[in-house]
Amino acid sequence: MDNLTIFIAVTAAAVVIQAGILVAMYLAVRQSSARVEALASEVRTKVLPTAEMAQSMLAEMRPKLETLVTNASDSSTIVRAQLERLDATVSDVIDRTRLQVIRADELVGRTLDRVEATTDMVHNTVVSPIRQVSGLVQGLTTGLEFFFGGKRQRRETVPAAQDEMFI
């Protein structure tokens, strides 16, 4: 056998193998196509009616959903406005309270200053002169008792005038 015959035999075998592969591919594609067709018909019979029903329900509910969204948006706007008003009111109350606390603090401070000034004035105008007069009277009493005879009576039962004073 010569080379040409071998070459033709090998080429013929390759062509036969290729034809077999192509036939197998055709059968596999045909089988897959049949499965895809069955799946497509099942989708048409089961899924499409459900999708159409969902689409019709969505078409029916669309106005209701739009109303719901509009109402939610309006409610959100109203709530936001009310919260802004509440914030302004609370801020105003806090500012007023702060001012009242400042005024009360100033009032208490002024009152304490006046009480202290009044205490000093009472001490200077009433207590000090009474102590001075009491000391003068005690000195005169002691001098007169000594001068008139030495009969010194002790006043142990009656406390001294300055012991009665307190402020």
C-alpha atoms as a PDB file:
ATOM      1  CA  MET A   1       0.000   0.000   0.000  1.00  0.00           C
ATOM      2  CA  ASP A   2       1.238   3.169  -0.797  1.00  0.00           C
ATOM      3  CA  ASN A   3       1.091   6.416   1.046  1.00  0.00           C
ATOM      4  CA  LEU A   4      -1.806   7.762  -0.886  1.00  0.00           C
ATOM      5  CA  THR A   5      -4.064   4.899   0.077  1.00  0.00           C
ATOM      6  CA  ILE A   6      -3.159   5.238   3.724  1.00  0.00           C
ATOM      7  CA  PHE A   7      -3.808   8.940   3.551  1.00  0.00           C
ATOM      8  CA  ILE A   8      -7.222   8.377   1.909  1.00  0.00           C
ATOM      9  CA  ALA A   9      -8.136   5.735   4.517  1.00  0.00           C
ATOM     10  CA  VAL A  10      -7.174   7.985   7.401  1.00  0.00           C
ATOM     11  CA  THR A  11      -9.086  10.883   5.836  1.00  0.00           C
ATOM     12  CA  ALA A  12     -12.138   8.683   5.285  1.00  0.00           C
ATOM     13  CA  ALA A  13     -12.000   7.499   8.906  1.00  0.00           C
ATOM     14  CA  ALA A  14     -11.752  11.124  10.097  1.00  0.00           C
ATOM     15  CA  VAL A  15     -14.738  12.111   7.956  1.00  0.00           C
ATOM     16  CA  VAL A  16     -16.777   9.180   9.329  1.00  0.00           C
ATOM     17  CA  ILE A  17     -15.833  10.133  12.912  1.00  0.00           C
ATOM     18  CA  GLN A  18     -16.785  13.748  12.229  1.00  0.00           C
ATOM     19  CA  ALA A  19     -20.105  12.639  10.773  1.00  0.00           C
ATOM     20  CA  GLY A  20     -20.765  10.533  13.874  1.00  0.00           C
ATOM     21  CA  ILE A  21     -19.959  13.484  16.146  1.00  0.00           C
ATOM     22  CA  LEU A  22     -22.258  15.749  14.121  1.00  0.00           C
ATOM     23  CA  VAL A  23     -25.085  13.194  14.302  1.00  0.00           C
ATOM     24  CA  ALA A  24     -24.605  12.906  18.097  1.00  0.00           C
ATOM     25  CA  MET A  25     -24.615  16.707  18.428  1.00  0.00           C
ATOM     26  CA  TYR A  26     -27.788  16.902  16.316  1.00  0.00           C
ATOM     27  CA  LEU A  27     -29.529  14.336  18.525  1.00  0.00           C
ATOM     28  CA  ALA A  28     -28.415  16.137  21.734  1.00  0.00           C
ATOM     29  CA  VAL A  29     -29.594  19.509  20.416  1.00  0.00           C
ATOM     30  CA  ARG A  30     -32.896  17.982  19.312  1.00  0.00           C
ATOM     31  CA  GLN A  31     -33.392  16.406  22.753  1.00  0.00           C
ATOM     32  CA  SER A  32     -32.529  19.714  24.498  1.00  0.00           C
ATOM     33  CA  SER A  33     -34.862  21.541  22.143  1.00  0.00           C
ATOM     34  CA  ALA A  34     -37.672  19.163  23.074  1.00  0.00           C
ATOM     35  CA  ARG A  35     -37.008  19.785  26.772  1.00  0.00           C
ATOM     36  CA  VAL A  36     -36.928  23.552  26.247  1.00  0.00           C
ATOM     37  CA  GLU A  37     -40.212  23.345  24.306  1.00  0.00           C
ATOM     38  CA  ALA A  38     -41.801  21.341  27.135  1.00  0.00           C
ATOM     39  CA  LEU A  39     -40.488  23.834  29.676  1.00  0.00           C
ATOM     40  CA  ALA A  40     -41.758  26.762  27.578  1.00  0.00           C
ATOM     41  CA  SER A  41     -45.221  25.236  27.283  1.00  0.00           C
ATOM     42  CA  GLU A  42     -45.261  24.614  31.039  1.00  0.00           C
ATOM     43  CA  VAL A  43     -44.255  28.240  31.655  1.00  0.00           C
ATOM     44  CA  ARG A  44     -47.042  29.362  29.313  1.00  0.00           C
ATOM     45  CA  THR A  45     -49.631  27.257  31.091  1.00  0.00           C
ATOM     46  CA  LYS A  46     -48.563  27.914  34.699  1.00  0.00           C
ATOM     47  CA  VAL A  47     -46.480  31.044  35.040  1.00  0.00           C
ATOM     48  CA  LEU A  48     -48.037  33.369  32.479  1.00  0.00           C
ATOM     49  CA  PRO A  49     -51.575  33.154  33.947  1.00  0.00           C
ATOM     50  CA  THR A  50     -50.116  33.898  37.362  1.00  0.00           C
ATOM     51  CA  ALA A  51     -48.140  36.834  35.957  1.00  0.00           C
ATOM     52  CA  GLU A  52     -51.230  38.117  34.147  1.00  0.00           C
ATOM     53  CA  MET A  53     -53.243  37.784  37.348  1.00  0.00           C
ATOM     54  CA  ALA A  54     -50.520  39.642  39.276  1.00  0.00           C
ATOM     55  CA  GLN A  55     -50.460  42.317  36.607  1.00  0.00           C
ATOM     56  CA  SER A  56     -54.244  42.731  36.766  1.00  0.00           C
ATOM     57  CA  MET A  57     -54.109  42.870  40.579  1.00  0.00           C
ATOM     58  CA  LEU A  58     -51.357  45.467  40.344  1.00  0.00           C
ATOM     59  CA  ALA A  59     -53.460  47.474  37.886  1.00  0.00           C
ATOM     60  CA  GLU A  60     -56.421  47.314  40.294  1.00  0.00           C
ATOM     61  CA  MET A  61     -54.338  48.196  43.336  1.00  0.00           C
ATOM     62  CA  ARG A  62     -52.277  50.911  41.667  1.00  0.00           C
ATOM     63  CA  PRO A  63     -54.697  53.771  42.534  1.00  0.00           C
ATOM     64  CA  LYS A  64     -54.941  52.492  46.107  1.00  0.00           C
ATOM     65  CA  LEU A  65     -51.165  52.267  46.381  1.00  0.00           C
ATOM     66  CA  GLU A  66     -50.777  55.759  44.935  1.00  0.00           C
ATOM     67  CA  THR A  67     -53.319  57.058  47.478  1.00  0.00           C
ATOM     68  CA  LEU A  68     -51.474  55.238  50.259  1.00  0.00           C
ATOM     69  CA  VAL A  69     -48.129  56.722  49.210  1.00  0.00           C
ATOM     70  CA  THR A  70     -49.662  60.195  48.899  1.00  0.00           C
ATOM     71  CA  ASN A  71     -51.261  59.911  52.350  1.00  0.00           C
ATOM     72  CA  ALA A  72     -47.993  58.711  53.877  1.00  0.00           C
ATOM     73  CA  SER A  73     -46.152  61.610  52.270  1.00  0.00           C
ATOM     74  CA  ASP A  74     -48.747  64.128  53.484  1.00  0.00           C
ATOM     75  CA  SER A  75     -48.681  62.619  56.984  1.00  0.00           C
ATOM     76  CA  SER A  76     -44.899  62.807  57.020  1.00  0.00           C
ATOM     77  CA  THR A  77     -45.037  66.482  56.029  1.00  0.00           C
ATOM     78  CA  ILE A  78     -47.611  67.245  58.743  1.00  0.00           C
ATOM     79  CA  VAL A  79     -45.626  65.353  61.392  1.00  0.00           C
ATOM     80  CA  ARG A  80     -42.450  67.200  60.385  1.00  0.00           C
ATOM     81  CA  ALA A  81     -44.221  70.561  60.656  1.00  0.00           C
ATOM     82  CA  GLN A  82     -45.673  69.638  64.063  1.00  0.00           C
ATOM     83  CA  LEU A  83     -42.263  68.515  65.296  1.00  0.00           C
ATOM     84  CA  GLU A  84     -40.758  71.816  64.161  1.00  0.00           C
ATOM     85  CA  ARG A  85     -43.486  73.695  66.046  1.00  0.00           C
ATOM     86  CA  LEU A  86     -42.925  71.521  69.112  1.00  0.00           C
ATOM     87  CA  ASP A  87     -39.181  72.155  68.923  1.00  0.00           C
ATOM     88  CA  ALA A  88     -39.771  75.903  68.706  1.00  0.00           C
ATOM     89  CA  THR A  89     -42.184  75.760  71.656  1.00  0.00           C
ATOM     90  CA  VAL A  90     -39.815  73.695  73.798  1.00  0.00           C
ATOM     91  CA  SER A  91     -36.928  76.021  72.930  1.00  0.00           C
ATOM     92  CA  ASP A  92     -39.061  79.011  73.915  1.00  0.00           C
ATOM     93  CA  VAL A  93     -40.057  77.370  77.218  1.00  0.00           C
ATOM     94  CA  ILE A  94     -36.421  76.540  77.974  1.00  0.00           C
ATOM     95  CA  ASP A  95     -35.340  80.116  77.196  1.00  0.00           C
ATOM     96  CA  ARG A  96     -38.094  81.561  79.384  1.00  0.00           C
ATOM     97  CA  THR A  97     -37.288  79.157  82.204  1.00  0.00           C
ATOM     98  CA  ARG A  98     -33.620  80.078  81.986  1.00  0.00           C
ATOM     99  CA  LEU A  99     -34.524  83.783  82.207  1.00  0.00           C
ATOM    100  CA  GLN A 100     -36.811  83.157  85.194  1.00  0.00           C
ATOM    101  CA  VAL A 101     -34.062  81.208  86.966  1.00  0.00           C
ATOM    102  CA  ILE A 102     -31.663  84.091  86.360  1.00  0.00           C
ATOM    103  CA  ARG A 103     -34.227  86.576  87.683  1.00  0.00           C
ATOM    104  CA  ALA A 104     -34.917  84.399  90.754  1.00  0.00           C
ATOM    105  CA  ASP A 105     -31.182  84.113  91.418  1.00  0.00           C
ATOM    106  CA  GLU A 106     -30.776  87.877  91.199  1.00  0.00           C
ATOM    107  CA  LEU A 107     -33.823  88.364  93.472  1.00  0.00           C
ATOM    108  CA  VAL A 108     -32.447  85.951  96.088  1.00  0.00           C
ATOM    109  CA  GLY A 109     -29.045  87.624  95.883  1.00  0.00           C
ATOM    110  CA  ARG A 110     -30.543  91.096  96.362  1.00  0.00           C
ATOM    111  CA  THR A 111     -32.739  89.826  99.232  1.00  0.00           C
ATOM    112  CA  LEU A 112     -29.754  88.280 101.001  1.00  0.00           C
ATOM    113  CA  ASP A 113     -27.799  91.522 100.542  1.00  0.00           C
ATOM    114  CA  ARG A 114     -30.695  93.500 102.056  1.00  0.00           C
ATOM    115  CA  VAL A 115     -31.077  91.056 104.960  1.00  0.00           C
ATOM    116  CA  GLU A 116     -27.372  91.379 105.674  1.00  0.00           C
ATOM    117  CA  ALA A 117     -27.534  95.186 105.459  1.00  0.00           C
ATOM    118  CA  THR A 118     -30.609  95.218 107.736  1.00  0.00           C
ATOM    119  CA  THR A 119     -28.861  92.945 110.250  1.00  0.00           C
ATOM    120  CA  ASP A 120     -25.841  95.251 110.280  1.00  0.00           C
ATOM    121  CA  MET A 121     -28.096  98.302 110.694  1.00  0.00           C
ATOM    122  CA  VAL A 122     -30.079  96.688 113.571  1.00  0.00           C
ATOM    123  CA  HIS A 123     -26.840  95.692 115.229  1.00  0.00           C
ATOM    124  CA  ASN A 124     -25.396  99.186 114.870  1.00  0.00           C
ATOM    125  CA  THR A 125     -28.553 101.121 115.787  1.00  0.00           C
ATOM    126  CA  VAL A 126     -30.172  98.882 118.416  1.00  0.00           C
ATOM    127  CA  VAL A 127     -27.891  96.249 119.921  1.00  0.00           C
ATOM    128  CA  SER A 128     -24.735  98.344 120.364  1.00  0.00           C
ATOM    129  CA  PRO A 129     -26.515 101.271 122.099  1.00  0.00           C
ATOM    130  CA  ILE A 130     -28.423  98.876 124.383  1.00  0.00           C
ATOM    131  CA  ARG A 131     -25.159  97.215 125.391  1.00  0.00           C
ATOM    132  CA  GLN A 132     -23.607 100.613 126.054  1.00  0.00           C
ATOM    133  CA  VAL A 133     -26.586 101.772 128.133  1.00  0.00           C
ATOM    134  CA  SER A 134     -26.631  98.422 129.987  1.00  0.00           C
ATOM    135  CA  GLY A 135     -22.938  98.775 130.790  1.00  0.00           C
ATOM    136  CA  LEU A 136     -23.461 102.364 131.965  1.00  0.00           C
ATOM    137  CA  VAL A 137     -26.412 101.340 134.205  1.00  0.00           C
ATOM    138  CA  GLN A 138     -24.446  98.449 135.689  1.00  0.00           C
ATOM    139  CA  GLY A 139     -21.501 100.779 136.395  1.00  0.00           C
ATOM    140  CA  LEU A 140     -23.757 103.340 138.061  1.00  0.00           C
ATOM    141  CA  THR A 141     -25.500 100.653 140.096  1.00  0.00           C
ATOM    142  CA  THR A 142     -22.228  99.208 141.274  1.00  0.00           C
ATOM    143  CA  GLY A 143     -20.878 102.675 142.118  1.00  0.00           C
ATOM    144  CA  LEU A 144     -24.015 103.672 144.023  1.00  0.00           C
ATOM    145  CA  GLU A 145     -24.092 100.389 145.942  1.00  0.00           C
ATOM    146  CA  PHE A 146     -20.466 100.898 146.901  1.00  0.00           C
ATOM    147  CA  PHE A 147     -21.047 104.535 147.793  1.00  0.00           C
ATOM    148  CA  PHE A 148     -24.119 103.910 149.963  1.00  0.00           C
ATOM    149  CA  GLY A 149     -22.736 101.450 152.294  1.00  0.00           C
ATOM    150  CA  GLY A 150     -21.364  98.363 151.007  1.00  0.00           C
ATOM    151  CA  LYS A 151     -24.585  96.421 151.108  1.00  0.00           C
ATOM    152  CA  ARG A 152     -23.924  94.579 148.000  1.00  0.00           C
ATOM    153  CA  GLN A 153     -26.692  92.407 146.883  1.00  0.00           C
ATOM    154  CA  ARG A 154     -25.913  89.944 144.349  1.00  0.00           C
ATOM    155  CA  ARG A 155     -28.358  89.252 141.656  1.00  0.00           C
ATOM    156  CA  GLU A 156     -27.754  85.626 141.117  1.00  0.00           C
ATOM    157  CA  THR A 157     -31.363  84.780 140.447  1.00  0.00           C
ATOM    158  CA  VAL A 158     -31.824  87.395 137.730  1.00  0.00           C
ATOM    159  CA  PRO A 159     -29.497  87.112 134.757  1.00  0.00           C
ATOM    160  CA  ALA A 160     -27.703  90.211 133.485  1.00  0.00           C
ATOM    161  CA  ALA A 161     -29.300  92.294 130.742  1.00  0.00           C
ATOM    162  CA  GLN A 162     -26.649  91.481 128.232  1.00  0.00           C
ATOM    163  CA  ASP A 163     -27.278  87.759 128.706  1.00  0.00           C
ATOM    164  CA  GLU A 164     -30.873  88.334 127.691  1.00  0.00           C
ATOM    165  CA  MET A 165     -29.874  89.971 124.414  1.00  0.00           C
ATOM    166  CA  PHE A 166     -29.410  87.816 121.374  1.00  0.00           C
ATOM    167  CA  ILE A 167     -29.358  88.380 117.659  1.00  0.00           C
END
